[in-house]
Every structure is written in C-alpha cells, then in structure tokens.
Amino acid sequence: MNDQPVAATDSGPRRGKGRPHRAPRKDPVRVLAFDALRAVDERDAYANLVLPALLREAREKGGFDARDAALATELVYGTLRGRGTYDAIIAACVDRPLREVDPPVLDVLSLGAHQLLGTRIPTHAAVSATVELARVVLGDGRSRFVNAVLRRISRNDLDAWLAEVAPPFEDDPEEHLSVVHSHPRWVVSALWDSLGGPRGGIEDLLTADNERPEVTLVARPGRTDAGALLDSLGEERALPGRWSPYAVRLTEGGEPGAVPAVRDGEAGVQDEGSQLVALALAKAPVEGRDALWLDACAGPGGK
C-alpha cells in the first residue's frame, strides 16, 4: 500500500477560519460502550459485570431501549474479542508504537475498527459515529486524528488487513494465529500444546473460542420453570435449552437484567454447562443424614 501511517498526535490541526463550530452530538450507545472499555482498561474490571450495570443505569434514565442495549453489548464484547487483531491493524495506521497512543484514544479507535471490520454497520456511518464519539469524549483535536486513522482502516476489509499485518504462517505460526484469531500468543501456544495435532485443529478451536456466546437463562426451581419462562418471553425472543431442563436461550442480545423474570429473581443468567453441573451434584447419592448443600464456588467465572 502507498498510504503512509497517520501521525499519532494528541491534537489535530486547528479549526480553519470561518468554519462554523458545531457542538458534538452525544450518542448514548457509543458513549456507554466507551465507558465500559475504559473501566476494563483502567480498573481491570470484568466486562460482564460492568456492562450490565451501565445498561441498567441507562435504562433507568429512559430513552435506552432493547435495540440500544443489543448494539452496546455487541460493541463492547465484539471490540474486546477482536482487540488483538484490531491493535495490529491500528498499529499499521499510525507512525509510532501503540503504547505511545493514549489509552482512551486507542479505545475509541478499537470501537471504530470493530464497527468497520466486524459488523454490518455501513462504512460512512461507522466512521462518522466514531468520530462524533471522539469529539464528545476526547475533544476536537483528537477526533481529527481518529478520523484520519479510521479512514485509512476503512480502505481494506478484514481479510485484506490480515493478509498485510499477520506474519505468514510458515514464518511464525503462533504469531500468525495470534493476530488472525485475536488471542495472546501465550494462549495460542498453550492451547496448541494441549491440543496437539495439525494446524486445522488449533484454528478450529480458536475460531470457536471467538464465537458470540448465546445468553442462556436458568429457570430457578421452586420459583418458575422453563415452560413458563418461555411463555413469558415469547417464541420470537427465546428457545428451549439444548441439554438442561431448566435452560432457556435468548435469541436476541441486549440486557438480560431487563427480563422481568430475571429482575424478579425467578430466573438468572447461567450457561447450560453450569446448570448441568448443579443438576448432577443435586442428584448425587449422599451418605448419612446430610440434606443441605453449600455452594462455595469462586466467582466471577472462577468455578
């Protein structure tokens, strides 16, 4: 490519004379996604804990519907899943190491890269919405830098960028897989060592690990059952679980906490694997008179 990387400066050129000043338009969905990414970066927060709280707060303020929640969820989780790949692409578009680009700027660029390369949002909309976000959270000067970088990213699709930024598999297989599948190199190495076998097996595993997970609810015994939970959600929003008799799978993204049964404590968010573990333990034979069980699992996600 003949284009030169964009200079990674913290302030862009000054506004030209005569250009009318326009206040930036605040997009609550993208601002929320940015806030979630900043919490992950600054506080090592868990996205699956930060995001529901932000969505709940936005819903309570009003004007934030299920479609907004679904888009915000996709922007946050999609950006985090693809961050390793997006970092490599962004690095090819600036003139200095990414560690010298301010983290808030990098978060906005990553959000924009995901919209351009990982969603069906039209290119012009992805660029303009992200630049507008940059104006709100970073200021006019940095928004011009964001605009320049995103326009460079938009000139290629994801496959073309991967062909440019990922080293050939024959030269460095682990780094190639790391960039293409957005996994840290040490994770690729550890998984490949554990799995063994040819290239196809590890690629299938890394691809599967990046699949968008379904949101699965558990109908809490004694409070409701899967049939009642399905009826309350409707056929367009939910499907029965595949393995657990207590499971209901949501067909739409968004905020599970907004589901009335979840809000009222009749259901919770739990994948089917965890449900089956609890079901198996509950049916295990017990010697003696012990009748109570203590759930002493670590969390979050530490079981």
Protein backbone atom coordinates (compact mmCIF):
# COMPACT_ATOMS: atom_id res chain seq x y z
CA MET A 1 0.00 0.00 0.00
CA ASN A 2 1.18 3.50 -0.78
CA ASP A 3 -0.60 5.28 2.06
CA GLN A 4 1.61 6.47 4.88
CA PRO A 5 0.71 5.84 8.52
CA VAL A 6 -1.05 8.68 10.25
CA ALA A 7 0.98 10.69 12.75
CA ALA A 8 -0.21 9.75 16.22
CA THR A 9 -0.60 13.17 17.74
CA ASP A 10 -2.79 14.17 20.66
CA SER A 11 -4.08 17.28 18.95
CA GLY A 12 -5.03 17.79 15.34
CA PRO A 13 -4.87 20.90 13.16
CA ARG A 14 -6.73 23.93 14.45
CA ARG A 15 -10.17 24.79 13.13
CA GLY A 16 -9.96 26.80 9.95
CA LYS A 17 -11.17 30.38 9.86
CA GLY A 18 -14.80 30.74 9.01
CA ARG A 19 -15.69 27.12 9.73
CA PRO A 20 -18.81 27.15 11.90
CA HIS A 21 -18.49 25.48 15.28
CA ARG A 22 -20.91 22.63 15.91
CA ALA A 23 -21.41 21.05 19.28
CA PRO A 24 -20.78 17.28 19.16
CA ARG A 25 -23.84 15.02 19.18
CA LYS A 26 -23.76 12.65 22.13
CA ASP A 27 -24.57 9.07 21.13
CA PRO A 28 -25.56 7.34 24.38
CA VAL A 29 -24.93 3.84 22.98
CA ARG A 30 -21.36 4.50 21.92
CA VAL A 31 -20.57 6.61 24.98
CA LEU A 32 -21.74 3.71 27.15
CA ALA A 33 -19.56 1.28 25.16
CA PHE A 34 -16.58 3.61 25.58
CA ASP A 35 -17.20 3.87 29.34
CA ALA A 36 -17.24 0.07 29.61
CA LEU A 37 -13.95 -0.26 27.74
CA ARG A 38 -12.34 2.40 29.92
CA ALA A 39 -13.43 0.52 33.05
CA VAL A 40 -11.84 -2.67 31.70
CA ASP A 41 -8.61 -0.85 30.84
CA GLU A 42 -8.29 1.38 33.89
CA ARG A 43 -9.58 -0.87 36.67
CA ASP A 44 -9.11 -4.36 35.19
CA ALA A 45 -12.88 -4.63 35.56
CA TYR A 46 -14.84 -7.61 34.30
CA ALA A 47 -16.83 -6.53 31.24
CA ASN A 48 -19.64 -8.94 32.11
CA LEU A 49 -20.06 -7.14 35.44
CA VAL A 50 -19.51 -3.55 34.30
CA LEU A 51 -21.72 -3.65 31.22
CA PRO A 52 -24.97 -4.84 32.90
CA ALA A 53 -24.67 -2.09 35.50
CA LEU A 54 -24.17 0.55 32.82
CA LEU A 55 -27.10 -0.81 30.79
CA ARG A 56 -29.34 -0.83 33.84
CA GLU A 57 -28.42 2.76 34.66
CA ALA A 58 -29.07 3.85 31.06
CA ARG A 59 -32.44 2.09 31.02
CA GLU A 60 -33.49 3.72 34.28
CA LYS A 61 -32.66 7.17 32.91
CA GLY A 62 -35.02 6.50 29.99
CA GLY A 63 -34.67 6.59 26.22
CA PHE A 64 -32.48 3.47 26.08
CA ASP A 65 -34.38 0.55 24.54
CA ALA A 66 -33.63 -3.11 23.80
CA ARG A 67 -32.05 -2.32 20.41
CA ASP A 68 -29.72 0.20 22.04
CA ALA A 69 -28.73 -2.39 24.64
CA ALA A 70 -28.08 -5.00 21.94
CA LEU A 71 -25.85 -2.63 19.96
CA ALA A 72 -23.94 -1.53 23.06
CA THR A 73 -23.40 -5.18 24.03
CA GLU A 74 -22.08 -6.04 20.57
CA LEU A 75 -19.76 -3.03 20.52
CA VAL A 76 -18.23 -3.85 23.91
CA TYR A 77 -17.85 -7.60 23.61
CA GLY A 78 -17.00 -7.54 19.91
CA THR A 79 -14.28 -4.94 20.44
CA LEU A 80 -12.79 -6.90 23.32
CA ARG A 81 -12.89 -10.20 21.41
CA GLY A 82 -11.17 -8.68 18.39
CA ARG A 83 -8.78 -6.37 20.20
CA GLY A 84 -5.63 -8.33 19.36
CA THR A 85 -6.45 -8.18 15.65
CA TYR A 86 -7.60 -4.57 15.76
CA ASP A 87 -4.45 -3.49 17.60
CA ALA A 88 -2.30 -4.95 14.83
CA ILE A 89 -4.33 -3.12 12.18
CA ILE A 90 -4.34 0.18 14.06
CA ALA A 91 -0.58 -0.14 14.58
CA ALA A 92 -0.16 -0.27 10.80
CA CYS A 93 -2.03 3.02 10.51
CA VAL A 94 -0.08 5.17 12.96
CA ASP A 95 3.55 6.21 12.96
CA ARG A 96 4.55 5.07 16.45
CA PRO A 97 4.08 2.11 18.82
CA LEU A 98 0.57 1.70 20.20
CA ARG A 99 1.90 2.09 23.75
CA GLU A 100 2.55 5.74 22.87
CA VAL A 101 -1.07 6.33 21.84
CA ASP A 102 -3.18 7.42 24.81
CA PRO A 103 -5.40 4.55 26.03
CA PRO A 104 -8.69 6.50 25.68
CA VAL A 105 -7.80 7.29 22.07
CA LEU A 106 -6.96 3.63 21.46
CA ASP A 107 -10.31 2.57 22.93
CA VAL A 108 -12.18 4.84 20.52
CA LEU A 109 -10.10 3.58 17.60
CA SER A 110 -10.79 -0.03 18.60
CA LEU A 111 -14.53 0.66 18.75
CA GLY A 112 -14.33 2.19 15.29
CA ALA A 113 -12.25 -0.67 13.91
CA HIS A 114 -14.78 -3.20 15.17
CA GLN A 115 -17.66 -1.33 13.54
CA LEU A 116 -15.74 -1.14 10.26
CA LEU A 117 -14.36 -4.68 10.17
CA GLY A 118 -16.56 -6.77 12.45
CA THR A 119 -20.13 -5.54 11.93
CA ARG A 120 -22.53 -4.74 9.10
CA ILE A 121 -22.65 -1.04 10.01
CA PRO A 122 -22.06 0.94 6.79
CA THR A 123 -18.59 2.42 6.46
CA HIS A 124 -19.68 6.05 6.42
CA ALA A 125 -21.88 5.54 9.49
CA ALA A 126 -19.15 3.70 11.41
CA VAL A 127 -16.60 6.44 10.73
CA SER A 128 -18.88 9.39 11.38
CA ALA A 129 -20.39 7.93 14.56
CA THR A 130 -16.96 7.08 15.98
CA VAL A 131 -15.52 10.49 15.11
CA GLU A 132 -18.52 12.08 16.81
CA LEU A 133 -17.84 9.91 19.86
CA ALA A 134 -14.23 11.09 19.81
CA ARG A 135 -15.40 14.71 19.78
CA VAL A 136 -17.53 14.04 22.88
CA VAL A 137 -15.02 12.06 24.94
CA LEU A 138 -11.66 13.23 23.58
CA GLY A 139 -12.15 16.69 22.09
CA ASP A 140 -11.93 18.17 18.60
CA GLY A 141 -8.17 17.83 18.17
CA ARG A 142 -8.01 14.12 18.88
CA SER A 143 -11.19 13.50 16.90
CA ARG A 144 -9.34 14.60 13.76
CA PHE A 145 -6.64 12.03 14.45
CA VAL A 146 -9.33 9.36 14.98
CA ASN A 147 -10.97 10.38 11.71
CA ALA A 148 -7.71 10.05 9.77
CA VAL A 149 -6.89 6.62 11.22
CA LEU A 150 -10.40 5.23 10.67
CA ARG A 151 -10.49 6.40 7.08
CA ARG A 152 -7.25 4.56 6.47
CA ILE A 153 -8.63 1.42 8.13
CA SER A 154 -11.79 1.63 6.00
CA ARG A 155 -9.82 1.26 2.76
CA ASN A 156 -9.46 -2.51 3.33
CA ASP A 157 -11.76 -5.23 4.56
CA LEU A 158 -10.72 -7.57 7.37
CA ASP A 159 -9.27 -10.28 5.11
CA ALA A 160 -7.10 -7.79 3.25
CA TRP A 161 -5.82 -6.31 6.51
CA LEU A 162 -5.00 -9.76 7.91
CA ALA A 163 -3.03 -10.57 4.78
CA GLU A 164 -0.99 -7.42 5.40
CA VAL A 165 -0.45 -7.38 9.18
CA ALA A 166 -0.27 -11.09 10.13
CA PRO A 167 3.11 -12.74 9.51
CA PRO A 168 2.98 -15.76 7.16
CA PHE A 169 2.08 -18.96 8.96
CA GLU A 170 5.22 -20.64 7.61
CA ASP A 171 7.45 -17.95 9.17
CA ASP A 172 5.84 -17.69 12.61
CA PRO A 173 2.79 -19.93 13.07
CA GLU A 174 1.98 -18.85 16.62
CA GLU A 175 2.15 -15.12 15.85
CA HIS A 176 0.09 -15.65 12.70
CA LEU A 177 -2.64 -17.39 14.67
CA SER A 178 -2.42 -14.79 17.43
CA VAL A 179 -3.11 -11.90 15.04
CA VAL A 180 -5.68 -13.66 12.85
CA HIS A 181 -7.69 -15.05 15.77
CA SER A 182 -7.12 -12.24 18.29
CA HIS A 183 -5.63 -14.41 21.03
CA PRO A 184 -2.47 -13.60 23.01
CA ARG A 185 0.48 -15.57 21.71
CA TRP A 186 0.96 -17.39 25.01
CA VAL A 187 -2.66 -18.57 24.89
CA VAL A 188 -2.20 -19.86 21.34
CA SER A 189 0.95 -21.68 22.41
CA ALA A 190 -0.64 -23.23 25.50
CA LEU A 191 -3.77 -24.35 23.65
CA TRP A 192 -1.76 -25.83 20.79
CA ASP A 193 0.50 -27.70 23.21
CA SER A 194 -2.54 -29.11 25.00
CA LEU A 195 -4.44 -29.96 21.83
CA GLY A 196 -1.59 -31.24 19.71
CA GLY A 197 -2.28 -32.24 16.15
CA PRO A 198 -2.17 -30.29 12.90
CA ARG A 199 -2.89 -26.65 12.11
CA GLY A 200 -6.56 -27.27 11.37
CA GLY A 201 -7.36 -28.36 14.90
CA ILE A 202 -5.96 -25.29 16.62
CA GLU A 203 -7.55 -22.96 14.08
CA ASP A 204 -10.95 -24.57 14.63
CA LEU A 205 -10.52 -24.19 18.40
CA LEU A 206 -9.52 -20.52 18.19
CA THR A 207 -12.38 -19.79 15.79
CA ALA A 208 -14.88 -21.46 18.12
CA ASP A 209 -13.48 -19.52 21.07
CA ASN A 210 -14.37 -16.27 19.31
CA GLU A 211 -17.97 -17.20 18.55
CA ARG A 212 -20.56 -14.89 20.07
CA PRO A 213 -21.99 -16.81 23.02
CA GLU A 214 -25.70 -17.23 23.46
CA VAL A 215 -27.32 -15.72 26.54
CA THR A 216 -28.84 -18.59 28.48
CA LEU A 217 -31.24 -18.20 31.38
CA VAL A 218 -31.91 -20.71 34.11
CA ALA A 219 -35.42 -21.11 35.47
CA ARG A 220 -34.88 -21.33 39.20
CA PRO A 221 -36.60 -24.42 40.61
CA GLY A 222 -39.41 -23.62 43.01
CA ARG A 223 -39.89 -20.15 41.52
CA THR A 224 -40.67 -20.88 37.87
CA ASP A 225 -39.95 -23.47 35.18
CA ALA A 226 -38.58 -23.37 31.65
CA GLY A 227 -42.04 -23.59 30.06
CA ALA A 228 -43.37 -20.61 31.97
CA LEU A 229 -40.22 -18.65 31.25
CA LEU A 230 -40.54 -19.41 27.52
CA ASP A 231 -44.19 -18.34 27.53
CA SER A 232 -43.35 -15.05 29.22
CA LEU A 233 -40.64 -14.26 26.66
CA GLY A 234 -42.44 -15.44 23.53
CA GLU A 235 -41.24 -17.54 20.58
CA GLU A 236 -39.54 -14.59 18.87
CA ARG A 237 -37.28 -13.91 21.83
CA ALA A 238 -36.40 -17.31 23.27
CA LEU A 239 -35.85 -21.00 22.56
CA PRO A 240 -35.69 -24.06 24.84
CA GLY A 241 -32.29 -25.13 26.10
CA ARG A 242 -30.45 -27.94 24.33
CA TRP A 243 -29.41 -30.01 27.35
CA SER A 244 -30.64 -28.59 30.63
CA PRO A 245 -34.35 -28.91 31.51
CA TYR A 246 -34.09 -25.53 33.26
CA ALA A 247 -32.50 -23.64 30.34
CA VAL A 248 -33.98 -21.00 28.03
CA ARG A 249 -31.86 -19.46 25.29
CA LEU A 250 -32.39 -15.82 24.33
CA THR A 251 -32.41 -15.27 20.58
CA GLU A 252 -31.83 -11.52 20.92
CA GLY A 253 -28.92 -9.77 22.57
CA GLY A 254 -29.29 -6.89 24.93
CA GLU A 255 -29.65 -6.80 28.67
CA PRO A 256 -30.87 -9.97 30.40
CA GLY A 257 -31.42 -7.94 33.55
CA ALA A 258 -34.34 -6.25 31.81
CA VAL A 259 -36.21 -9.57 31.55
CA PRO A 260 -38.96 -9.40 34.22
CA ALA A 261 -38.30 -12.96 35.46
CA VAL A 262 -34.61 -12.13 35.95
CA ARG A 263 -35.41 -8.83 37.61
CA ASP A 264 -37.83 -10.59 40.00
CA GLY A 265 -35.39 -13.36 40.89
CA GLU A 266 -37.36 -16.16 39.20
CA ALA A 267 -34.59 -16.73 36.64
CA GLY A 268 -30.91 -15.98 36.30
CA VAL A 269 -28.16 -15.93 33.69
CA GLN A 270 -26.28 -19.25 33.64
CA ASP A 271 -24.91 -21.31 30.78
CA GLU A 272 -26.11 -24.85 30.33
CA GLY A 273 -22.81 -26.42 31.33
CA SER A 274 -23.03 -24.85 34.76
CA GLN A 275 -26.67 -25.86 35.04
CA LEU A 276 -25.80 -29.48 34.30
CA VAL A 277 -23.06 -29.49 36.94
CA ALA A 278 -25.52 -28.29 39.57
CA LEU A 279 -28.11 -30.83 38.39
CA ALA A 280 -25.62 -33.71 38.57
CA LEU A 281 -24.47 -32.76 42.06
CA ALA A 282 -28.04 -32.39 43.30
CA LYS A 283 -28.77 -35.96 42.16
CA ALA A 284 -25.60 -37.46 43.60
CA PRO A 285 -26.21 -40.03 46.36
CA VAL A 286 -25.49 -38.74 49.84
CA GLU A 287 -24.44 -40.97 52.71
CA GLY A 288 -25.76 -40.24 56.17
CA ARG A 289 -28.28 -37.61 57.16
CA ASP A 290 -26.75 -34.63 55.29
CA ALA A 291 -29.58 -32.87 53.49
CA LEU A 292 -28.20 -29.38 52.85
CA TRP A 293 -25.70 -28.28 50.23
CA LEU A 294 -23.36 -25.28 50.41
CA ASP A 295 -22.46 -23.57 47.13
CA ALA A 296 -18.94 -22.30 47.82
CA CYS A 297 -17.90 -21.63 44.23
CA ALA A 298 -15.44 -18.86 43.43
CA GLY A 299 -16.51 -16.02 41.20
CA PRO A 300 -16.96 -14.43 38.87
CA GLY A 301 -16.40 -17.28 36.44
CA GLY A 302 -13.98 -19.00 38.77
CA LYS A 303 -15.82 -22.27 39.20
